[in-house]
Amino acid sequence: MQLRQWVTPEAVTGAIDDDMARAWLSAVHASLRSLGGAIAGPVRPPGPGWNYYRVRVEPKGQVVRILLNAAVGLVAASSDDGVPENGPLEFGEVPAPGSYRQAGLAVADADVLRAPLRPEHVERLSDLQRADVRYHQPESVGDLLFNWFD
């Protein structure tokens, strides 16, 4: 996955996109059917304090959060084990990623999301967004793309 293509001003700000959210949620259900899992909580849309959709799921007995950055159609997974709901997150591999790709969404690699944030990752951002990065100090690329900025 080309990291640079995802780190855009739109991705950092986030977006509410009902059509994409429906496609994502349909893919969440498809992935869980293939794994014998279940939804474990309500869908939470982007709002003050986070720029992504999220839903708790239980694939194969574990509980994780499936995330969607609707601004760029990027899906990720994070731990639900004692990790705050809105960052910083502990990224993991997305269960049954093929369901999301079939829906036309990109699936983030957990190692890419865990990569340390470097100056070149924020160079395309607006001055206001770079100020948010300085203030909130996200440590990883994933924490920039799935952020808790106000």
N, C-alpha and C. Protein backbone atom coordinates (compact mmCIF):
# COMPACT_ATOMS: atom_id res chain seq x y z
N MET A 1 0.85 -1.17 0.00
CA MET A 1 0.00 0.00 0.00
C MET A 1 0.90 1.23 0.00
N GLN A 2 0.63 2.13 -0.91
CA GLN A 2 1.36 3.38 -0.96
C GLN A 2 0.84 4.30 0.14
N LEU A 3 1.66 4.54 1.10
CA LEU A 3 1.26 5.35 2.25
C LEU A 3 0.88 6.76 1.84
N ARG A 4 1.63 7.36 0.97
CA ARG A 4 1.42 8.75 0.59
C ARG A 4 0.02 8.98 0.03
N GLN A 5 -0.54 8.02 -0.68
CA GLN A 5 -1.86 8.22 -1.27
C GLN A 5 -2.95 8.37 -0.22
N TRP A 6 -2.74 7.86 0.99
CA TRP A 6 -3.76 7.93 2.03
C TRP A 6 -3.62 9.14 2.92
N VAL A 7 -2.42 9.66 3.07
CA VAL A 7 -2.21 10.78 3.98
C VAL A 7 -2.50 12.08 3.22
N THR A 8 -3.77 12.46 3.24
CA THR A 8 -4.23 13.65 2.54
C THR A 8 -4.99 14.53 3.53
N PRO A 9 -5.16 15.80 3.19
CA PRO A 9 -5.96 16.66 4.09
C PRO A 9 -7.36 16.10 4.34
N GLU A 10 -7.98 15.53 3.31
CA GLU A 10 -9.33 14.96 3.47
C GLU A 10 -9.32 13.80 4.45
N ALA A 11 -8.31 12.95 4.36
CA ALA A 11 -8.24 11.77 5.23
C ALA A 11 -8.07 12.17 6.69
N VAL A 12 -7.33 13.22 6.94
CA VAL A 12 -7.07 13.64 8.31
C VAL A 12 -8.31 14.32 8.91
N THR A 13 -9.02 15.08 8.09
CA THR A 13 -10.22 15.77 8.57
C THR A 13 -11.35 14.78 8.78
N GLY A 14 -11.47 13.81 7.89
CA GLY A 14 -12.56 12.84 7.99
C GLY A 14 -13.78 13.31 7.23
N ALA A 15 -14.75 12.43 7.10
CA ALA A 15 -15.97 12.75 6.36
C ALA A 15 -17.08 11.81 6.78
N ILE A 16 -18.29 12.31 6.68
CA ILE A 16 -19.46 11.45 6.84
C ILE A 16 -19.95 11.17 5.44
N ASP A 17 -20.03 9.90 5.10
CA ASP A 17 -20.46 9.48 3.77
C ASP A 17 -21.40 8.29 3.99
N ASP A 18 -22.69 8.55 3.98
CA ASP A 18 -23.67 7.50 4.29
C ASP A 18 -23.61 6.34 3.31
N ASP A 19 -23.41 6.63 2.02
CA ASP A 19 -23.34 5.54 1.03
C ASP A 19 -22.13 4.64 1.29
N MET A 20 -20.98 5.26 1.53
CA MET A 20 -19.79 4.45 1.81
C MET A 20 -19.95 3.70 3.12
N ALA A 21 -20.54 4.34 4.11
CA ALA A 21 -20.75 3.67 5.40
C ALA A 21 -21.66 2.45 5.24
N ARG A 22 -22.68 2.55 4.40
CA ARG A 22 -23.55 1.39 4.15
C ARG A 22 -22.78 0.26 3.47
N ALA A 23 -21.95 0.61 2.48
CA ALA A 23 -21.14 -0.41 1.80
C ALA A 23 -20.17 -1.06 2.79
N TRP A 24 -19.55 -0.25 3.64
CA TRP A 24 -18.62 -0.75 4.65
C TRP A 24 -19.34 -1.68 5.63
N LEU A 25 -20.51 -1.26 6.12
CA LEU A 25 -21.24 -2.07 7.09
C LEU A 25 -21.71 -3.38 6.46
N SER A 26 -22.09 -3.33 5.21
CA SER A 26 -22.45 -4.57 4.49
C SER A 26 -21.24 -5.50 4.41
N ALA A 27 -20.07 -4.93 4.16
CA ALA A 27 -18.84 -5.72 4.12
C ALA A 27 -18.48 -6.26 5.50
N VAL A 28 -18.74 -5.48 6.55
CA VAL A 28 -18.52 -5.97 7.91
C VAL A 28 -19.36 -7.22 8.14
N HIS A 29 -20.65 -7.16 7.77
CA HIS A 29 -21.54 -8.31 7.94
C HIS A 29 -21.06 -9.50 7.11
N ALA A 30 -20.64 -9.27 5.88
CA ALA A 30 -20.15 -10.35 5.02
C ALA A 30 -18.91 -10.99 5.63
N SER A 31 -18.00 -10.17 6.15
CA SER A 31 -16.78 -10.73 6.74
C SER A 31 -17.12 -11.57 7.97
N LEU A 32 -18.07 -11.10 8.77
CA LEU A 32 -18.45 -11.84 9.97
C LEU A 32 -19.17 -13.14 9.63
N ARG A 33 -19.99 -13.13 8.58
CA ARG A 33 -20.64 -14.38 8.14
C ARG A 33 -19.60 -15.41 7.74
N SER A 34 -18.55 -14.96 7.05
CA SER A 34 -17.52 -15.89 6.61
C SER A 34 -16.70 -16.45 7.77
N LEU A 35 -16.66 -15.72 8.88
CA LEU A 35 -15.88 -16.14 10.04
C LEU A 35 -16.72 -16.75 11.16
N GLY A 36 -18.04 -16.65 11.03
CA GLY A 36 -18.90 -17.10 12.11
C GLY A 36 -18.89 -16.14 13.28
N GLY A 37 -18.80 -14.84 12.99
CA GLY A 37 -18.74 -13.83 14.03
C GLY A 37 -20.02 -13.04 14.13
N ALA A 38 -20.00 -12.00 14.97
CA ALA A 38 -21.20 -11.19 15.20
C ALA A 38 -20.82 -9.75 15.49
N ILE A 39 -21.77 -8.86 15.25
CA ILE A 39 -21.65 -7.45 15.64
C ILE A 39 -21.78 -7.39 17.16
N ALA A 40 -20.93 -6.60 17.82
CA ALA A 40 -20.94 -6.53 19.28
C ALA A 40 -21.27 -5.15 19.82
N GLY A 41 -21.72 -4.26 18.96
CA GLY A 41 -22.05 -2.91 19.42
C GLY A 41 -22.57 -2.08 18.27
N PRO A 42 -23.03 -0.86 18.58
CA PRO A 42 -23.59 0.00 17.54
C PRO A 42 -22.50 0.61 16.65
N VAL A 43 -22.89 1.01 15.46
CA VAL A 43 -22.00 1.75 14.58
C VAL A 43 -21.91 3.17 15.12
N ARG A 44 -20.68 3.65 15.24
CA ARG A 44 -20.47 5.03 15.71
C ARG A 44 -19.89 5.83 14.53
N PRO A 45 -20.59 6.87 14.09
CA PRO A 45 -20.09 7.69 12.97
C PRO A 45 -19.01 8.67 13.44
N PRO A 46 -18.31 9.30 12.49
CA PRO A 46 -17.36 10.34 12.88
C PRO A 46 -18.07 11.44 13.67
N GLY A 47 -17.36 12.04 14.57
CA GLY A 47 -17.94 13.10 15.38
C GLY A 47 -16.86 13.88 16.07
N PRO A 48 -17.22 14.79 16.94
CA PRO A 48 -16.19 15.54 17.66
C PRO A 48 -15.28 14.58 18.43
N GLY A 49 -14.01 14.60 18.09
CA GLY A 49 -13.07 13.74 18.80
C GLY A 49 -12.61 12.53 18.01
N TRP A 50 -13.19 12.24 16.85
CA TRP A 50 -12.68 11.16 16.00
C TRP A 50 -13.16 11.36 14.57
N ASN A 51 -12.37 10.93 13.61
CA ASN A 51 -12.66 11.18 12.21
C ASN A 51 -13.06 9.92 11.44
N TYR A 52 -13.51 8.89 12.12
CA TYR A 52 -13.77 7.61 11.46
C TYR A 52 -15.03 6.96 12.02
N TYR A 53 -15.61 6.09 11.18
CA TYR A 53 -16.69 5.22 11.63
C TYR A 53 -16.05 4.05 12.37
N ARG A 54 -16.79 3.46 13.31
CA ARG A 54 -16.27 2.28 13.99
C ARG A 54 -17.43 1.43 14.50
N VAL A 55 -17.16 0.14 14.57
CA VAL A 55 -18.12 -0.80 15.12
C VAL A 55 -17.35 -1.93 15.80
N ARG A 56 -17.84 -2.38 16.94
CA ARG A 56 -17.22 -3.51 17.66
C ARG A 56 -17.77 -4.79 17.06
N VAL A 57 -16.88 -5.74 16.82
CA VAL A 57 -17.28 -7.03 16.27
C VAL A 57 -16.59 -8.15 17.04
N GLU A 58 -17.15 -9.35 16.93
CA GLU A 58 -16.57 -10.53 17.57
C GLU A 58 -16.36 -11.61 16.52
N PRO A 59 -15.22 -11.57 15.83
CA PRO A 59 -14.89 -12.67 14.91
C PRO A 59 -14.13 -13.76 15.68
N LYS A 60 -14.63 -14.96 15.63
CA LYS A 60 -13.93 -16.10 16.25
C LYS A 60 -13.58 -15.86 17.72
N GLY A 61 -14.51 -15.32 18.50
CA GLY A 61 -14.30 -15.21 19.94
C GLY A 61 -13.48 -14.04 20.42
N GLN A 62 -12.89 -13.26 19.55
CA GLN A 62 -12.16 -12.07 19.99
C GLN A 62 -13.02 -10.85 19.73
N VAL A 63 -12.74 -9.75 20.39
CA VAL A 63 -13.48 -8.51 20.16
C VAL A 63 -12.51 -7.49 19.60
N VAL A 64 -12.86 -6.94 18.43
CA VAL A 64 -12.05 -5.91 17.79
C VAL A 64 -12.98 -4.81 17.29
N ARG A 65 -12.39 -3.71 16.91
CA ARG A 65 -13.13 -2.64 16.26
C ARG A 65 -12.75 -2.62 14.79
N ILE A 66 -13.75 -2.50 13.94
CA ILE A 66 -13.50 -2.30 12.52
C ILE A 66 -13.75 -0.82 12.25
N LEU A 67 -12.79 -0.18 11.60
CA LEU A 67 -12.80 1.26 11.40
C LEU A 67 -12.92 1.59 9.91
N LEU A 68 -13.52 2.72 9.61
CA LEU A 68 -13.61 3.22 8.24
C LEU A 68 -13.28 4.70 8.23
N ASN A 69 -12.27 5.07 7.46
CA ASN A 69 -12.01 6.47 7.14
C ASN A 69 -12.71 6.70 5.81
N ALA A 70 -13.92 7.27 5.87
CA ALA A 70 -14.76 7.41 4.68
C ALA A 70 -14.20 8.41 3.68
N ALA A 71 -13.36 9.33 4.11
CA ALA A 71 -12.80 10.31 3.19
C ALA A 71 -11.95 9.66 2.12
N VAL A 72 -11.34 8.53 2.43
CA VAL A 72 -10.48 7.84 1.47
C VAL A 72 -10.85 6.38 1.29
N GLY A 73 -11.94 5.93 1.90
CA GLY A 73 -12.39 4.54 1.74
C GLY A 73 -11.43 3.53 2.30
N LEU A 74 -10.85 3.82 3.45
CA LEU A 74 -9.82 2.97 4.06
C LEU A 74 -10.36 2.27 5.30
N VAL A 75 -10.20 0.95 5.34
CA VAL A 75 -10.68 0.12 6.45
C VAL A 75 -9.48 -0.33 7.27
N ALA A 76 -9.64 -0.34 8.58
CA ALA A 76 -8.60 -0.81 9.49
C ALA A 76 -9.27 -1.54 10.65
N ALA A 77 -8.45 -2.19 11.46
CA ALA A 77 -8.94 -2.86 12.67
C ALA A 77 -8.09 -2.41 13.84
N SER A 78 -8.73 -2.32 15.00
CA SER A 78 -7.99 -1.98 16.21
C SER A 78 -8.46 -2.87 17.35
N SER A 79 -7.60 -3.02 18.32
CA SER A 79 -7.91 -3.81 19.50
C SER A 79 -9.02 -3.15 20.29
N ASP A 80 -9.81 -3.97 20.95
CA ASP A 80 -10.84 -3.45 21.85
C ASP A 80 -10.50 -3.80 23.29
N ASP A 81 -9.32 -4.32 23.51
CA ASP A 81 -8.91 -4.82 24.82
C ASP A 81 -8.29 -3.70 25.66
N GLY A 82 -9.13 -2.92 26.33
CA GLY A 82 -8.64 -1.88 27.21
C GLY A 82 -8.07 -0.67 26.50
N VAL A 83 -8.24 -0.56 25.17
CA VAL A 83 -7.72 0.56 24.42
C VAL A 83 -8.83 1.60 24.29
N PRO A 84 -8.54 2.88 24.52
CA PRO A 84 -9.58 3.90 24.41
C PRO A 84 -10.29 3.84 23.06
N GLU A 85 -11.56 4.18 23.07
CA GLU A 85 -12.36 4.11 21.85
C GLU A 85 -11.91 5.09 20.79
N ASN A 86 -11.36 6.20 21.18
CA ASN A 86 -10.98 7.20 20.19
C ASN A 86 -9.53 7.66 20.37
N GLY A 87 -8.63 6.70 20.36
CA GLY A 87 -7.22 6.92 20.19
C GLY A 87 -6.43 7.30 21.43
N PRO A 88 -5.13 7.08 21.35
CA PRO A 88 -4.49 6.37 20.24
C PRO A 88 -4.91 4.90 20.22
N LEU A 89 -4.89 4.32 19.02
CA LEU A 89 -5.40 2.96 18.81
C LEU A 89 -4.28 1.95 18.71
N GLU A 90 -4.62 0.70 18.97
CA GLU A 90 -3.69 -0.42 18.80
C GLU A 90 -4.16 -1.18 17.57
N PHE A 91 -3.49 -0.97 16.42
CA PHE A 91 -3.93 -1.52 15.15
C PHE A 91 -3.58 -2.99 15.00
N GLY A 92 -4.47 -3.72 14.35
CA GLY A 92 -4.27 -5.14 14.05
C GLY A 92 -4.74 -5.42 12.63
N GLU A 93 -4.62 -6.67 12.23
CA GLU A 93 -5.04 -7.06 10.89
C GLU A 93 -6.56 -7.11 10.81
N VAL A 94 -7.10 -6.68 9.68
CA VAL A 94 -8.54 -6.70 9.45
C VAL A 94 -8.97 -8.14 9.18
N PRO A 95 -9.93 -8.67 9.96
CA PRO A 95 -10.41 -10.03 9.72
C PRO A 95 -11.17 -10.11 8.40
N ALA A 96 -10.94 -11.16 7.63
CA ALA A 96 -11.61 -11.40 6.34
C ALA A 96 -11.56 -10.16 5.45
N PRO A 97 -10.37 -9.69 5.10
CA PRO A 97 -10.25 -8.44 4.34
C PRO A 97 -10.86 -8.49 2.94
N GLY A 98 -11.01 -9.67 2.39
CA GLY A 98 -11.57 -9.80 1.04
C GLY A 98 -12.97 -9.21 0.92
N SER A 99 -13.75 -9.29 1.98
CA SER A 99 -15.11 -8.74 1.96
C SER A 99 -15.09 -7.23 1.73
N TYR A 100 -14.12 -6.55 2.29
CA TYR A 100 -14.01 -5.10 2.13
C TYR A 100 -13.50 -4.74 0.74
N ARG A 101 -12.54 -5.50 0.26
CA ARG A 101 -12.02 -5.25 -1.09
C ARG A 101 -13.10 -5.47 -2.13
N GLN A 102 -13.92 -6.49 -1.93
CA GLN A 102 -15.04 -6.75 -2.85
C GLN A 102 -16.01 -5.58 -2.87
N ALA A 103 -16.13 -4.87 -1.78
CA ALA A 103 -17.02 -3.71 -1.68
C ALA A 103 -16.37 -2.44 -2.23
N GLY A 104 -15.14 -2.57 -2.75
CA GLY A 104 -14.45 -1.42 -3.33
C GLY A 104 -13.69 -0.57 -2.32
N LEU A 105 -13.49 -1.09 -1.12
CA LEU A 105 -12.76 -0.37 -0.09
C LEU A 105 -11.31 -0.86 -0.03
N ALA A 106 -10.43 -0.01 0.41
CA ALA A 106 -9.03 -0.40 0.62
C ALA A 106 -8.88 -0.89 2.05
N VAL A 107 -7.99 -1.87 2.23
CA VAL A 107 -7.74 -2.42 3.56
C VAL A 107 -6.32 -2.06 3.97
N ALA A 108 -6.21 -1.40 5.10
CA ALA A 108 -4.91 -0.96 5.59
C ALA A 108 -4.15 -2.12 6.22
N ASP A 109 -2.88 -2.18 5.96
CA ASP A 109 -1.99 -3.14 6.57
C ASP A 109 -1.62 -2.63 7.96
N ALA A 110 -1.74 -3.47 8.97
CA ALA A 110 -1.47 -3.04 10.35
C ALA A 110 -0.05 -2.53 10.53
N ASP A 111 0.92 -3.15 9.86
CA ASP A 111 2.31 -2.69 9.99
C ASP A 111 2.49 -1.28 9.43
N VAL A 112 1.79 -0.98 8.34
CA VAL A 112 1.86 0.36 7.77
C VAL A 112 1.25 1.37 8.74
N LEU A 113 0.12 1.01 9.35
CA LEU A 113 -0.52 1.92 10.30
C LEU A 113 0.32 2.14 11.56
N ARG A 114 1.08 1.13 11.94
CA ARG A 114 1.93 1.25 13.14
C ARG A 114 3.23 2.00 12.88
N ALA A 115 3.53 2.29 11.61
CA ALA A 115 4.79 2.96 11.26
C ALA A 115 4.85 4.32 11.94
N PRO A 116 6.03 4.69 12.44
CA PRO A 116 6.17 5.99 13.10
C PRO A 116 5.84 7.14 12.14
N LEU A 117 5.19 8.14 12.66
CA LEU A 117 4.86 9.32 11.88
C LEU A 117 6.14 10.13 11.65
N ARG A 118 6.36 10.51 10.40
CA ARG A 118 7.55 11.27 10.03
C ARG A 118 7.12 12.59 9.38
N PRO A 119 8.01 13.57 9.33
CA PRO A 119 7.67 14.88 8.75
C PRO A 119 7.07 14.79 7.35
N GLU A 120 7.56 13.89 6.52
CA GLU A 120 7.03 13.80 5.15
C GLU A 120 5.57 13.33 5.10
N HIS A 121 5.10 12.70 6.19
CA HIS A 121 3.70 12.27 6.23
C HIS A 121 2.74 13.44 6.40
N VAL A 122 3.21 14.55 6.93
CA VAL A 122 2.31 15.68 7.19
C VAL A 122 2.54 16.86 6.26
N GLU A 123 3.46 16.73 5.31
CA GLU A 123 3.80 17.87 4.46
C GLU A 123 2.65 18.33 3.57
N ARG A 124 1.72 17.45 3.20
CA ARG A 124 0.61 17.82 2.33
C ARG A 124 -0.59 18.36 3.11
N LEU A 125 -0.51 18.37 4.42
CA LEU A 125 -1.62 18.82 5.25
C LEU A 125 -1.69 20.34 5.31
N SER A 126 -2.85 20.84 5.66
CA SER A 126 -3.02 22.29 5.82
C SER A 126 -2.27 22.76 7.07
N ASP A 127 -2.09 24.06 7.17
CA ASP A 127 -1.43 24.62 8.36
C ASP A 127 -2.20 24.26 9.63
N LEU A 128 -3.52 24.33 9.57
CA LEU A 128 -4.36 24.00 10.73
C LEU A 128 -4.20 22.52 11.11
N GLN A 129 -4.15 21.65 10.12
CA GLN A 129 -3.98 20.23 10.41
C GLN A 129 -2.60 19.94 10.98
N ARG A 130 -1.57 20.60 10.46
CA ARG A 130 -0.23 20.42 11.02
C ARG A 130 -0.19 20.92 12.47
N ALA A 131 -0.93 21.99 12.75
CA ALA A 131 -1.02 22.48 14.14
C ALA A 131 -1.69 21.42 15.03
N ASP A 132 -2.73 20.76 14.51
CA ASP A 132 -3.37 19.66 15.26
C ASP A 132 -2.37 18.54 15.53
N VAL A 133 -1.56 18.22 14.53
CA VAL A 133 -0.55 17.16 14.70
C VAL A 133 0.45 17.56 15.78
N ARG A 134 0.88 18.79 15.75
CA ARG A 134 1.83 19.26 16.79
C ARG A 134 1.18 19.20 18.17
N TYR A 135 -0.08 19.58 18.25
CA TYR A 135 -0.76 19.61 19.54
C TYR A 135 -1.05 18.20 20.07
N HIS A 136 -1.64 17.34 19.22
CA HIS A 136 -2.06 16.00 19.68
C HIS A 136 -0.93 14.97 19.65
N GLN A 137 0.11 15.24 18.88
CA GLN A 137 1.30 14.40 18.81
C GLN A 137 1.00 12.92 18.53
N PRO A 138 0.29 12.61 17.45
CA PRO A 138 0.11 11.19 17.11
C PRO A 138 1.47 10.57 16.81
N GLU A 139 1.65 9.34 17.25
CA GLU A 139 2.94 8.70 17.08
C GLU A 139 3.05 7.89 15.80
N SER A 140 1.92 7.44 15.27
CA SER A 140 1.97 6.55 14.10
C SER A 140 1.14 7.11 12.95
N VAL A 141 1.38 6.56 11.78
CA VAL A 141 0.60 6.92 10.60
C VAL A 141 -0.87 6.60 10.83
N GLY A 142 -1.15 5.47 11.45
CA GLY A 142 -2.53 5.09 11.73
C GLY A 142 -3.22 6.08 12.64
N ASP A 143 -2.50 6.60 13.62
CA ASP A 143 -3.09 7.58 14.52
C ASP A 143 -3.35 8.91 13.83
N LEU A 144 -2.70 9.16 12.71
CA LEU A 144 -3.00 10.34 11.91
C LEU A 144 -4.25 10.08 11.05
N LEU A 145 -4.31 8.90 10.43
CA LEU A 145 -5.44 8.58 9.55
C LEU A 145 -6.72 8.27 10.31
N PHE A 146 -6.60 7.70 11.51
CA PHE A 146 -7.74 7.39 12.37
C PHE A 146 -7.51 8.16 13.66
N ASN A 147 -7.85 9.46 13.63
CA ASN A 147 -7.41 10.33 14.71
C ASN A 147 -8.53 10.76 15.63
N TRP A 148 -8.13 11.37 16.72
CA TRP A 148 -9.02 11.82 17.78
C TRP A 148 -8.94 13.35 17.94
N PHE A 149 -8.51 14.04 16.89
CA PHE A 149 -8.36 15.49 16.97
C PHE A 149 -9.74 16.13 17.11
N ASP A 150 -9.80 17.26 17.83
CA ASP A 150 -11.09 17.94 17.95
C ASP A 150 -11.29 18.95 16.87
